[in-house]
All heavy atoms as atom14 arrays in JSON, in Angstrom:
{
  "sequence": "KHPSLIPLFLCIGVGTAGAVYYILRLATRNPDVTWNRNTNPLPNQEFA",
  "atom14_mask": [
    [1, 1, 1, 1, 1, 1, 1, 1, 1, 0, 0, 0, 0, 0],
    [1, 1, 1, 1, 1, 1, 1, 1, 1, 1, 0, 0, 0, 0],
    [1, 1, 1, 1, 1, 1, 1, 0, 0, 0, 0, 0, 0, 0],
    [1, 1, 1, 1, 1, 1, 0, 0, 0, 0, 0, 0, 0, 0],
    [1, 1, 1, 1, 1, 1, 1, 1, 0, 0, 0, 0, 0, 0],
    [1, 1, 1, 1, 1, 1, 1, 1, 0, 0, 0, 0, 0, 0],
    [1, 1, 1, 1, 1, 1, 1, 0, 0, 0, 0, 0, 0, 0],
    [1, 1, 1, 1, 1, 1, 1, 1, 0, 0, 0, 0, 0, 0],
    [1, 1, 1, 1, 1, 1, 1, 1, 1, 1, 1, 0, 0, 0],
    [1, 1, 1, 1, 1, 1, 1, 1, 0, 0, 0, 0, 0, 0],
    [1, 1, 1, 1, 1, 1, 0, 0, 0, 0, 0, 0, 0, 0],
    [1, 1, 1, 1, 1, 1, 1, 1, 0, 0, 0, 0, 0, 0],
    [1, 1, 1, 1, 0, 0, 0, 0, 0, 0, 0, 0, 0, 0],
    [1, 1, 1, 1, 1, 1, 1, 0, 0, 0, 0, 0, 0, 0],
    [1, 1, 1, 1, 0, 0, 0, 0, 0, 0, 0, 0, 0, 0],
    [1, 1, 1, 1, 1, 1, 1, 0, 0, 0, 0, 0, 0, 0],
    [1, 1, 1, 1, 1, 0, 0, 0, 0, 0, 0, 0, 0, 0],
    [1, 1, 1, 1, 0, 0, 0, 0, 0, 0, 0, 0, 0, 0],
    [1, 1, 1, 1, 1, 0, 0, 0, 0, 0, 0, 0, 0, 0],
    [1, 1, 1, 1, 1, 1, 1, 0, 0, 0, 0, 0, 0, 0],
    [1, 1, 1, 1, 1, 1, 1, 1, 1, 1, 1, 1, 0, 0],
    [1, 1, 1, 1, 1, 1, 1, 1, 1, 1, 1, 1, 0, 0],
    [1, 1, 1, 1, 1, 1, 1, 1, 0, 0, 0, 0, 0, 0],
    [1, 1, 1, 1, 1, 1, 1, 1, 0, 0, 0, 0, 0, 0],
    [1, 1, 1, 1, 1, 1, 1, 1, 1, 1, 1, 0, 0, 0],
    [1, 1, 1, 1, 1, 1, 1, 1, 0, 0, 0, 0, 0, 0],
    [1, 1, 1, 1, 1, 0, 0, 0, 0, 0, 0, 0, 0, 0],
    [1, 1, 1, 1, 1, 1, 1, 0, 0, 0, 0, 0, 0, 0],
    [1, 1, 1, 1, 1, 1, 1, 1, 1, 1, 1, 0, 0, 0],
    [1, 1, 1, 1, 1, 1, 1, 1, 0, 0, 0, 0, 0, 0],
    [1, 1, 1, 1, 1, 1, 1, 0, 0, 0, 0, 0, 0, 0],
    [1, 1, 1, 1, 1, 1, 1, 1, 0, 0, 0, 0, 0, 0],
    [1, 1, 1, 1, 1, 1, 1, 0, 0, 0, 0, 0, 0, 0],
    [1, 1, 1, 1, 1, 1, 1, 0, 0, 0, 0, 0, 0, 0],
    [1, 1, 1, 1, 1, 1, 1, 1, 1, 1, 1, 1, 1, 1],
    [1, 1, 1, 1, 1, 1, 1, 1, 0, 0, 0, 0, 0, 0],
    [1, 1, 1, 1, 1, 1, 1, 1, 1, 1, 1, 0, 0, 0],
    [1, 1, 1, 1, 1, 1, 1, 1, 0, 0, 0, 0, 0, 0],
    [1, 1, 1, 1, 1, 1, 1, 0, 0, 0, 0, 0, 0, 0],
    [1, 1, 1, 1, 1, 1, 1, 1, 0, 0, 0, 0, 0, 0],
    [1, 1, 1, 1, 1, 1, 1, 0, 0, 0, 0, 0, 0, 0],
    [1, 1, 1, 1, 1, 1, 1, 1, 0, 0, 0, 0, 0, 0],
    [1, 1, 1, 1, 1, 1, 1, 0, 0, 0, 0, 0, 0, 0],
    [1, 1, 1, 1, 1, 1, 1, 1, 0, 0, 0, 0, 0, 0],
    [1, 1, 1, 1, 1, 1, 1, 1, 1, 0, 0, 0, 0, 0],
    [1, 1, 1, 1, 1, 1, 1, 1, 1, 0, 0, 0, 0, 0],
    [1, 1, 1, 1, 1, 1, 1, 1, 1, 1, 1, 0, 0, 0],
    [1, 1, 1, 1, 1, 0, 0, 0, 0, 0, 0, 0, 0, 0]
  ],
  "atom14_positions": [
    [[0.88, -1.21, 0.02], [-0.01, 0.05, -0.02], [0.85, 1.25, -0.02], [0.49, 2.27, -0.61], [-0.85, -0.03, 1.21], [-1.97, -1.04, 1.22], [-2.86, -0.79, 2.45], [-3.98, -1.91, 2.52], [-4.72, -1.9, 3.69], [0.0, 0.0, 0.0], [0.0, 0.0, 0.0], [0.0, 0.0, 0.0], [0.0, 0.0, 0.0], [0.0, 0.0, 0.0]],
    [[2.03, 1.12, 0.68], [2.91, 2.35, 0.78], [4.29, 1.98, 0.28], [5.25, 1.76, 0.96], [3.01, 2.85, 2.17], [1.66, 3.1, 2.81], [0.98, 4.31, 2.5], [0.96, 2.55, 3.77], [-0.12, 4.32, 3.24], [-0.11, 3.24, 4.01], [0.0, 0.0, 0.0], [0.0, 0.0, 0.0], [0.0, 0.0, 0.0], [0.0, 0.0, 0.0]],
    [[4.52, 1.9, -1.15], [5.78, 1.58, -1.55], [6.9, 2.46, -1.28], [8.02, 2.15, -1.41], [5.6, 1.33, -3.03], [4.35, 2.18, -3.37], [3.51, 2.11, -2.18], [0.0, 0.0, 0.0], [0.0, 0.0, 0.0], [0.0, 0.0, 0.0], [0.0, 0.0, 0.0], [0.0, 0.0, 0.0], [0.0, 0.0, 0.0], [0.0, 0.0, 0.0]],
    [[6.57, 3.72, -1.0], [7.61, 4.66, -0.66], [8.29, 4.39, 0.64], [9.29, 5.04, 0.96], [6.96, 6.08, -0.63], [6.0, 6.19, 0.4], [0.0, 0.0, 0.0], [0.0, 0.0, 0.0], [0.0, 0.0, 0.0], [0.0, 0.0, 0.0], [0.0, 0.0, 0.0], [0.0, 0.0, 0.0], [0.0, 0.0, 0.0], [0.0, 0.0, 0.0]],
    [[7.79, 3.52, 1.47], [8.53, 3.12, 2.71], [9.6, 2.13, 2.47], [10.44, 1.94, 3.38], [7.51, 2.52, 3.66], [6.42, 3.46, 4.27], [5.55, 2.78, 5.2], [7.15, 4.63, 4.99], [0.0, 0.0, 0.0], [0.0, 0.0, 0.0], [0.0, 0.0, 0.0], [0.0, 0.0, 0.0], [0.0, 0.0, 0.0], [0.0, 0.0, 0.0]],
    [[9.64, 1.56, 1.28], [10.71, 0.45, 1.09], [12.09, 1.01, 1.12], [12.99, 0.52, 1.72], [10.44, -0.2, -0.26], [9.12, -1.01, -0.13], [11.58, -1.18, -0.58], [8.59, -1.6, -1.47], [0.0, 0.0, 0.0], [0.0, 0.0, 0.0], [0.0, 0.0, 0.0], [0.0, 0.0, 0.0], [0.0, 0.0, 0.0], [0.0, 0.0, 0.0]],
    [[12.42, 2.25, 0.51], [13.73, 2.72, 0.58], [14.07, 3.12, 2.07], [15.34, 2.99, 2.5], [13.78, 3.99, -0.32], [12.71, 3.77, -1.21], [11.67, 3.0, -0.46], [0.0, 0.0, 0.0], [0.0, 0.0, 0.0], [0.0, 0.0, 0.0], [0.0, 0.0, 0.0], [0.0, 0.0, 0.0], [0.0, 0.0, 0.0], [0.0, 0.0, 0.0]],
    [[13.17, 3.62, 2.79], [13.47, 3.89, 4.2], [13.84, 2.69, 5.0], [14.85, 2.64, 5.74], [12.1, 4.53, 4.88], [12.29, 4.81, 6.3], [13.21, 5.95, 6.51], [10.89, 5.11, 6.88], [0.0, 0.0, 0.0], [0.0, 0.0, 0.0], [0.0, 0.0, 0.0], [0.0, 0.0, 0.0], [0.0, 0.0, 0.0], [0.0, 0.0, 0.0]],
    [[13.14, 1.62, 4.78], [13.51, 0.39, 5.54], [14.81, -0.26, 5.02], [15.63, -0.79, 5.85], [12.44, -0.67, 5.44], [11.24, -0.34, 6.3], [9.99, -0.16, 5.76], [11.29, -0.26, 7.62], [8.89, 0.09, 6.56], [10.29, -0.01, 8.46], [9.03, 0.23, 7.89], [0.0, 0.0, 0.0], [0.0, 0.0, 0.0], [0.0, 0.0, 0.0]],
    [[15.1, 0.0, 3.73], [16.38, -0.47, 3.18], [17.61, 0.31, 3.89], [18.6, -0.18, 4.21], [16.48, -0.44, 1.76], [15.65, -1.46, 0.88], [15.65, -1.19, -0.53], [16.22, -2.86, 1.28], [0.0, 0.0, 0.0], [0.0, 0.0, 0.0], [0.0, 0.0, 0.0], [0.0, 0.0, 0.0], [0.0, 0.0, 0.0], [0.0, 0.0, 0.0]],
    [[17.41, 1.67, 3.87], [18.49, 2.44, 4.46], [18.68, 2.14, 5.94], [19.82, 2.05, 6.42], [18.15, 3.89, 4.26], [18.2, 4.49, 2.57], [0.0, 0.0, 0.0], [0.0, 0.0, 0.0], [0.0, 0.0, 0.0], [0.0, 0.0, 0.0], [0.0, 0.0, 0.0], [0.0, 0.0, 0.0], [0.0, 0.0, 0.0], [0.0, 0.0, 0.0]],
    [[17.61, 2.01, 6.7], [17.7, 1.64, 8.16], [18.29, 0.28, 8.26], [19.22, 0.04, 9.18], [16.33, 1.68, 8.77], [15.93, 3.15, 8.87], [16.45, 1.0, 10.23], [14.44, 3.35, 9.31], [0.0, 0.0, 0.0], [0.0, 0.0, 0.0], [0.0, 0.0, 0.0], [0.0, 0.0, 0.0], [0.0, 0.0, 0.0], [0.0, 0.0, 0.0]],
    [[18.06, -0.64, 7.43], [18.58, -2.04, 7.55], [20.11, -1.98, 7.18], [20.88, -2.66, 7.86], [0.0, 0.0, 0.0], [0.0, 0.0, 0.0], [0.0, 0.0, 0.0], [0.0, 0.0, 0.0], [0.0, 0.0, 0.0], [0.0, 0.0, 0.0], [0.0, 0.0, 0.0], [0.0, 0.0, 0.0], [0.0, 0.0, 0.0], [0.0, 0.0, 0.0]],
    [[20.55, -1.25, 6.15], [21.94, -1.2, 5.77], [22.74, -0.48, 6.89], [23.82, -0.86, 7.2], [22.06, -0.47, 4.43], [23.55, -0.17, 4.16], [21.58, -1.4, 3.34], [0.0, 0.0, 0.0], [0.0, 0.0, 0.0], [0.0, 0.0, 0.0], [0.0, 0.0, 0.0], [0.0, 0.0, 0.0], [0.0, 0.0, 0.0], [0.0, 0.0, 0.0]],
    [[22.14, 0.56, 7.43], [22.85, 1.34, 8.51], [23.01, 0.43, 9.78], [24.06, 0.45, 10.4], [0.0, 0.0, 0.0], [0.0, 0.0, 0.0], [0.0, 0.0, 0.0], [0.0, 0.0, 0.0], [0.0, 0.0, 0.0], [0.0, 0.0, 0.0], [0.0, 0.0, 0.0], [0.0, 0.0, 0.0], [0.0, 0.0, 0.0], [0.0, 0.0, 0.0]],
    [[21.99, -0.21, 10.13], [22.04, -1.16, 11.26], [23.08, -2.24, 11.04], [23.84, -2.6, 11.97], [20.6, -1.77, 11.53], [19.7, -0.74, 11.75], [20.69, -2.68, 12.7], [0.0, 0.0, 0.0], [0.0, 0.0, 0.0], [0.0, 0.0, 0.0], [0.0, 0.0, 0.0], [0.0, 0.0, 0.0], [0.0, 0.0, 0.0], [0.0, 0.0, 0.0]],
    [[23.06, -2.84, 9.83], [24.09, -3.86, 9.58], [25.51, -3.36, 9.61], [26.4, -4.01, 10.07], [23.77, -4.57, 8.18], [0.0, 0.0, 0.0], [0.0, 0.0, 0.0], [0.0, 0.0, 0.0], [0.0, 0.0, 0.0], [0.0, 0.0, 0.0], [0.0, 0.0, 0.0], [0.0, 0.0, 0.0], [0.0, 0.0, 0.0], [0.0, 0.0, 0.0]],
    [[25.7, -2.17, 9.1], [27.03, -1.56, 9.17], [27.45, -1.27, 10.58], [28.6, -1.45, 10.93], [0.0, 0.0, 0.0], [0.0, 0.0, 0.0], [0.0, 0.0, 0.0], [0.0, 0.0, 0.0], [0.0, 0.0, 0.0], [0.0, 0.0, 0.0], [0.0, 0.0, 0.0], [0.0, 0.0, 0.0], [0.0, 0.0, 0.0], [0.0, 0.0, 0.0]],
    [[26.57, -0.83, 11.42], [26.89, -0.5, 12.78], [27.21, -1.74, 13.58], [28.14, -1.82, 14.38], [25.71, 0.24, 13.44], [0.0, 0.0, 0.0], [0.0, 0.0, 0.0], [0.0, 0.0, 0.0], [0.0, 0.0, 0.0], [0.0, 0.0, 0.0], [0.0, 0.0, 0.0], [0.0, 0.0, 0.0], [0.0, 0.0, 0.0], [0.0, 0.0, 0.0]],
    [[26.45, -2.93, 13.37], [26.69, -4.09, 14.02], [28.05, -4.72, 13.57], [28.82, -5.2, 14.39], [25.54, -5.15, 13.72], [25.9, -6.56, 14.13], [24.36, -4.68, 14.43], [0.0, 0.0, 0.0], [0.0, 0.0, 0.0], [0.0, 0.0, 0.0], [0.0, 0.0, 0.0], [0.0, 0.0, 0.0], [0.0, 0.0, 0.0], [0.0, 0.0, 0.0]],
    [[28.32, -4.56, 12.32], [29.64, -5.14, 11.8], [30.76, -4.33, 12.41], [31.8, -4.89, 12.83], [29.71, -4.95, 10.28], [31.09, -5.01, 9.66], [31.67, -6.37, 9.6], [31.85, -4.0, 9.25], [32.93, -6.48, 9.14], [33.11, -4.14, 8.84], [33.72, -5.42, 8.76], [34.93, -5.58, 8.28], [0.0, 0.0, 0.0], [0.0, 0.0, 0.0]],
    [[30.62, -2.99, 12.46], [31.75, -2.25, 13.08], [31.91, -2.46, 14.57], [33.09, -2.57, 15.08], [31.46, -0.62, 12.8], [32.69, 0.16, 13.26], [33.84, 0.12, 12.51], [32.47, 1.05, 14.24], [34.91, 0.94, 12.9], [33.58, 1.89, 14.6], [34.8, 1.78, 13.92], [35.86, 2.56, 14.31], [0.0, 0.0, 0.0], [0.0, 0.0, 0.0]],
    [[30.84, -2.66, 15.27], [30.98, -2.87, 16.73], [31.66, -4.37, 16.97], [32.42, -4.54, 17.83], [29.63, -2.85, 17.42], [29.17, -1.33, 17.44], [29.59, -3.46, 18.76], [27.84, -1.1, 17.88], [0.0, 0.0, 0.0], [0.0, 0.0, 0.0], [0.0, 0.0, 0.0], [0.0, 0.0, 0.0], [0.0, 0.0, 0.0], [0.0, 0.0, 0.0]],
    [[31.23, -5.31, 16.12], [31.76, -6.58, 16.25], [33.26, -6.59, 15.87], [34.06, -7.29, 16.48], [31.04, -7.68, 15.44], [29.69, -8.01, 15.93], [28.98, -8.9, 14.91], [29.8, -8.76, 17.3], [0.0, 0.0, 0.0], [0.0, 0.0, 0.0], [0.0, 0.0, 0.0], [0.0, 0.0, 0.0], [0.0, 0.0, 0.0], [0.0, 0.0, 0.0]],
    [[33.62, -5.84, 14.88], [35.01, -5.72, 14.47], [35.88, -5.0, 15.58], [36.98, -5.53, 15.84], [35.15, -4.9, 13.18], [36.6, -4.87, 12.63], [36.7, -3.97, 11.51], [38.14, -4.09, 10.97], [39.16, -3.55, 11.46], [39.0, -2.87, 12.56], [40.37, -3.75, 10.95], [0.0, 0.0, 0.0], [0.0, 0.0, 0.0], [0.0, 0.0, 0.0]],
    [[35.32, -3.97, 16.21], [36.01, -3.46, 17.22], [36.21, -4.38, 18.45], [37.16, -4.33, 19.17], [35.31, -2.19, 17.77], [35.44, -0.87, 16.91], [34.55, 0.25, 17.43], [36.85, -0.53, 16.8], [0.0, 0.0, 0.0], [0.0, 0.0, 0.0], [0.0, 0.0, 0.0], [0.0, 0.0, 0.0], [0.0, 0.0, 0.0], [0.0, 0.0, 0.0]],
    [[35.14, -5.17, 18.65], [35.16, -6.04, 19.82], [36.25, -7.29, 19.7], [36.73, -7.8, 20.58], [33.85, -6.67, 20.14], [0.0, 0.0, 0.0], [0.0, 0.0, 0.0], [0.0, 0.0, 0.0], [0.0, 0.0, 0.0], [0.0, 0.0, 0.0], [0.0, 0.0, 0.0], [0.0, 0.0, 0.0], [0.0, 0.0, 0.0], [0.0, 0.0, 0.0]],
    [[36.41, -7.61, 18.33], [37.33, -8.76, 18.09], [38.71, -8.32, 17.62], [39.64, -9.17, 17.87], [36.67, -9.64, 17.06], [36.44, -8.88, 15.92], [35.4, -10.27, 17.59], [0.0, 0.0, 0.0], [0.0, 0.0, 0.0], [0.0, 0.0, 0.0], [0.0, 0.0, 0.0], [0.0, 0.0, 0.0], [0.0, 0.0, 0.0], [0.0, 0.0, 0.0]],
    [[38.91, -7.24, 17.16], [40.2, -6.86, 16.54], [41.01, -5.76, 17.24], [42.19, -5.54, 17.03], [40.04, -6.35, 15.1], [39.37, -7.33, 14.22], [40.33, -8.19, 13.33], [39.59, -9.02, 12.45], [40.14, -9.75, 11.65], [41.5, -9.56, 11.48], [39.52, -10.58, 10.93], [0.0, 0.0, 0.0], [0.0, 0.0, 0.0], [0.0, 0.0, 0.0]],
    [[40.32, -5.1, 18.1], [40.94, -3.91, 18.88], [41.86, -4.4, 19.84], [41.53, -5.21, 20.68], [39.87, -3.03, 19.32], [40.32, -1.71, 19.83], [41.58, -1.42, 19.77], [39.43, -0.79, 20.09], [0.0, 0.0, 0.0], [0.0, 0.0, 0.0], [0.0, 0.0, 0.0], [0.0, 0.0, 0.0], [0.0, 0.0, 0.0], [0.0, 0.0, 0.0]],
    [[43.14, -3.82, 19.92], [44.02, -4.34, 20.88], [43.69, -3.93, 22.36], [44.25, -4.43, 23.36], [45.41, -3.7, 20.52], [45.02, -2.6, 19.69], [43.74, -2.93, 19.09], [0.0, 0.0, 0.0], [0.0, 0.0, 0.0], [0.0, 0.0, 0.0], [0.0, 0.0, 0.0], [0.0, 0.0, 0.0], [0.0, 0.0, 0.0], [0.0, 0.0, 0.0]],
    [[42.72, -3.04, 22.5], [42.26, -2.49, 23.86], [41.32, -3.45, 24.53], [41.06, -3.39, 25.72], [41.67, -1.14, 23.73], [42.6, -0.11, 23.33], [43.81, -0.28, 23.56], [42.23, 0.9, 22.73], [0.0, 0.0, 0.0], [0.0, 0.0, 0.0], [0.0, 0.0, 0.0], [0.0, 0.0, 0.0], [0.0, 0.0, 0.0], [0.0, 0.0, 0.0]],
    [[40.8, -4.38, 23.81], [39.73, -5.38, 24.22], [40.44, -6.72, 24.47], [41.05, -7.25, 23.59], [38.57, -5.59, 23.23], [37.54, -6.46, 23.79], [37.97, -4.19, 23.14], [0.0, 0.0, 0.0], [0.0, 0.0, 0.0], [0.0, 0.0, 0.0], [0.0, 0.0, 0.0], [0.0, 0.0, 0.0], [0.0, 0.0, 0.0], [0.0, 0.0, 0.0]],
    [[40.26, -7.26, 25.59], [40.8, -8.67, 25.92], [39.68, -9.52, 26.3], [38.95, -9.33, 27.16], [41.8, -8.57, 27.11], [42.89, -7.63, 26.74], [42.42, -9.84, 27.42], [0.0, 0.0, 0.0], [0.0, 0.0, 0.0], [0.0, 0.0, 0.0], [0.0, 0.0, 0.0], [0.0, 0.0, 0.0], [0.0, 0.0, 0.0], [0.0, 0.0, 0.0]],
    [[39.5, -10.7, 25.63], [38.52, -11.6, 25.96], [39.03, -12.71, 26.83], [38.17, -13.28, 27.61], [37.94, -12.21, 24.62], [37.17, -11.26, 23.82], [37.62, -10.56, 22.78], [35.83, -10.94, 24.03], [36.64, -9.7, 22.3], [35.56, -9.94, 23.07], [34.76, -11.32, 24.82], [34.22, -9.39, 22.93], [33.63, -10.82, 24.72], [33.3, -9.85, 23.77]],
    [[40.25, -13.08, 26.77], [40.79, -14.21, 27.59], [42.12, -13.85, 28.08], [43.13, -13.89, 27.35], [40.86, -15.43, 26.75], [41.11, -16.66, 27.45], [41.27, -16.62, 28.79], [41.28, -17.81, 26.88], [0.0, 0.0, 0.0], [0.0, 0.0, 0.0], [0.0, 0.0, 0.0], [0.0, 0.0, 0.0], [0.0, 0.0, 0.0], [0.0, 0.0, 0.0]],
    [[42.27, -13.46, 29.35], [43.54, -13.0, 29.89], [44.28, -14.24, 30.44], [45.44, -14.12, 30.81], [43.3, -11.99, 31.1], [42.79, -10.67, 30.56], [42.64, -9.75, 31.65], [43.99, -9.23, 32.14], [44.7, -8.29, 31.59], [44.28, -7.74, 30.47], [45.75, -7.89, 32.15], [0.0, 0.0, 0.0], [0.0, 0.0, 0.0], [0.0, 0.0, 0.0]],
    [[43.86, -15.37, 30.5], [44.42, -16.55, 31.05], [45.44, -17.05, 30.02], [46.59, -17.48, 30.47], [43.47, -17.66, 31.37], [42.55, -17.3, 32.45], [42.88, -16.43, 33.3], [41.32, -17.92, 32.47], [0.0, 0.0, 0.0], [0.0, 0.0, 0.0], [0.0, 0.0, 0.0], [0.0, 0.0, 0.0], [0.0, 0.0, 0.0], [0.0, 0.0, 0.0]],
    [[45.16, -17.09, 28.85], [46.17, -17.64, 27.83], [47.29, -16.64, 27.42], [48.34, -17.05, 27.03], [45.42, -18.09, 26.52], [44.68, -17.07, 26.0], [44.5, -19.25, 26.84], [0.0, 0.0, 0.0], [0.0, 0.0, 0.0], [0.0, 0.0, 0.0], [0.0, 0.0, 0.0], [0.0, 0.0, 0.0], [0.0, 0.0, 0.0], [0.0, 0.0, 0.0]],
    [[46.83, -15.35, 27.53], [47.83, -14.3, 27.1], [47.75, -13.15, 28.07], [46.95, -12.28, 28.03], [47.61, -13.8, 25.66], [48.69, -12.88, 25.23], [49.66, -12.75, 25.91], [48.43, -12.47, 23.96], [0.0, 0.0, 0.0], [0.0, 0.0, 0.0], [0.0, 0.0, 0.0], [0.0, 0.0, 0.0], [0.0, 0.0, 0.0], [0.0, 0.0, 0.0]],
    [[48.63, -13.1, 29.15], [48.5, -12.06, 30.15], [48.88, -10.71, 29.59], [48.54, -9.69, 30.19], [49.55, -12.51, 31.23], [50.43, -13.45, 30.59], [49.64, -14.04, 29.45], [0.0, 0.0, 0.0], [0.0, 0.0, 0.0], [0.0, 0.0, 0.0], [0.0, 0.0, 0.0], [0.0, 0.0, 0.0], [0.0, 0.0, 0.0], [0.0, 0.0, 0.0]],
    [[49.73, -10.5, 28.51], [50.04, -9.29, 27.97], [49.52, -9.18, 26.54], [50.32, -9.29, 25.62], [51.56, -9.03, 28.0], [52.16, -8.93, 29.46], [53.62, -8.91, 29.36], [51.58, -7.69, 30.03], [0.0, 0.0, 0.0], [0.0, 0.0, 0.0], [0.0, 0.0, 0.0], [0.0, 0.0, 0.0], [0.0, 0.0, 0.0], [0.0, 0.0, 0.0]],
    [[48.25, -9.01, 26.35], [47.79, -9.07, 24.94], [48.23, -7.88, 24.1], [48.15, -7.95, 22.9], [46.24, -9.06, 25.17], [46.04, -8.4, 26.48], [47.21, -8.72, 27.27], [0.0, 0.0, 0.0], [0.0, 0.0, 0.0], [0.0, 0.0, 0.0], [0.0, 0.0, 0.0], [0.0, 0.0, 0.0], [0.0, 0.0, 0.0], [0.0, 0.0, 0.0]],
    [[48.63, -6.77, 24.69], [48.98, -5.67, 23.91], [50.3, -5.95, 23.09], [50.68, -5.21, 22.21], [49.04, -4.35, 24.74], [49.96, -4.56, 25.93], [50.36, -5.63, 26.29], [50.31, -3.45, 26.52], [0.0, 0.0, 0.0], [0.0, 0.0, 0.0], [0.0, 0.0, 0.0], [0.0, 0.0, 0.0], [0.0, 0.0, 0.0], [0.0, 0.0, 0.0]],
    [[51.19, -6.91, 23.58], [52.38, -7.2, 22.96], [52.2, -7.95, 21.64], [53.11, -7.99, 20.88], [53.23, -8.07, 23.9], [53.65, -7.37, 25.09], [54.46, -6.13, 24.91], [55.37, -6.12, 23.91], [54.24, -5.08, 25.63], [0.0, 0.0, 0.0], [0.0, 0.0, 0.0], [0.0, 0.0, 0.0], [0.0, 0.0, 0.0], [0.0, 0.0, 0.0]],
    [[50.96, -8.47, 21.41], [50.65, -9.13, 20.1], [50.67, -8.16, 18.98], [50.96, -8.47, 17.88], [49.29, -9.83, 20.24], [49.34, -11.08, 20.76], [47.88, -11.71, 20.77], [47.25, -11.54, 19.7], [47.55, -12.53, 21.62], [0.0, 0.0, 0.0], [0.0, 0.0, 0.0], [0.0, 0.0, 0.0], [0.0, 0.0, 0.0], [0.0, 0.0, 0.0]],
    [[50.28, -6.92, 19.27], [50.08, -5.94, 18.24], [51.28, -4.99, 18.06], [51.14, -3.84, 17.66], [48.86, -5.14, 18.58], [47.61, -5.87, 18.33], [47.02, -6.58, 19.38], [47.05, -6.07, 17.07], [45.96, -7.38, 19.23], [45.91, -6.79, 16.9], [45.4, -7.5, 18.06], [0.0, 0.0, 0.0], [0.0, 0.0, 0.0], [0.0, 0.0, 0.0]],
    [[52.44, -5.4, 18.5], [53.62, -4.53, 18.4], [53.99, -4.13, 17.03], [54.23, -2.96, 16.79], [54.81, -5.21, 19.12], [0.0, 0.0, 0.0], [0.0, 0.0, 0.0], [0.0, 0.0, 0.0], [0.0, 0.0, 0.0], [0.0, 0.0, 0.0], [0.0, 0.0, 0.0], [0.0, 0.0, 0.0], [0.0, 0.0, 0.0], [0.0, 0.0, 0.0]]
  ]
}
């Protein structure tokens, strides 16, 4: 009934997917975040 809403939902969906990707990337690749300190007590030395 309202086809003009389709681009709005597409833009919101793409923006949400991009934000989720970036947050997950920061959580897994950033040297400031440590998930397991038992196996590597100095994780910042990995990224020298």
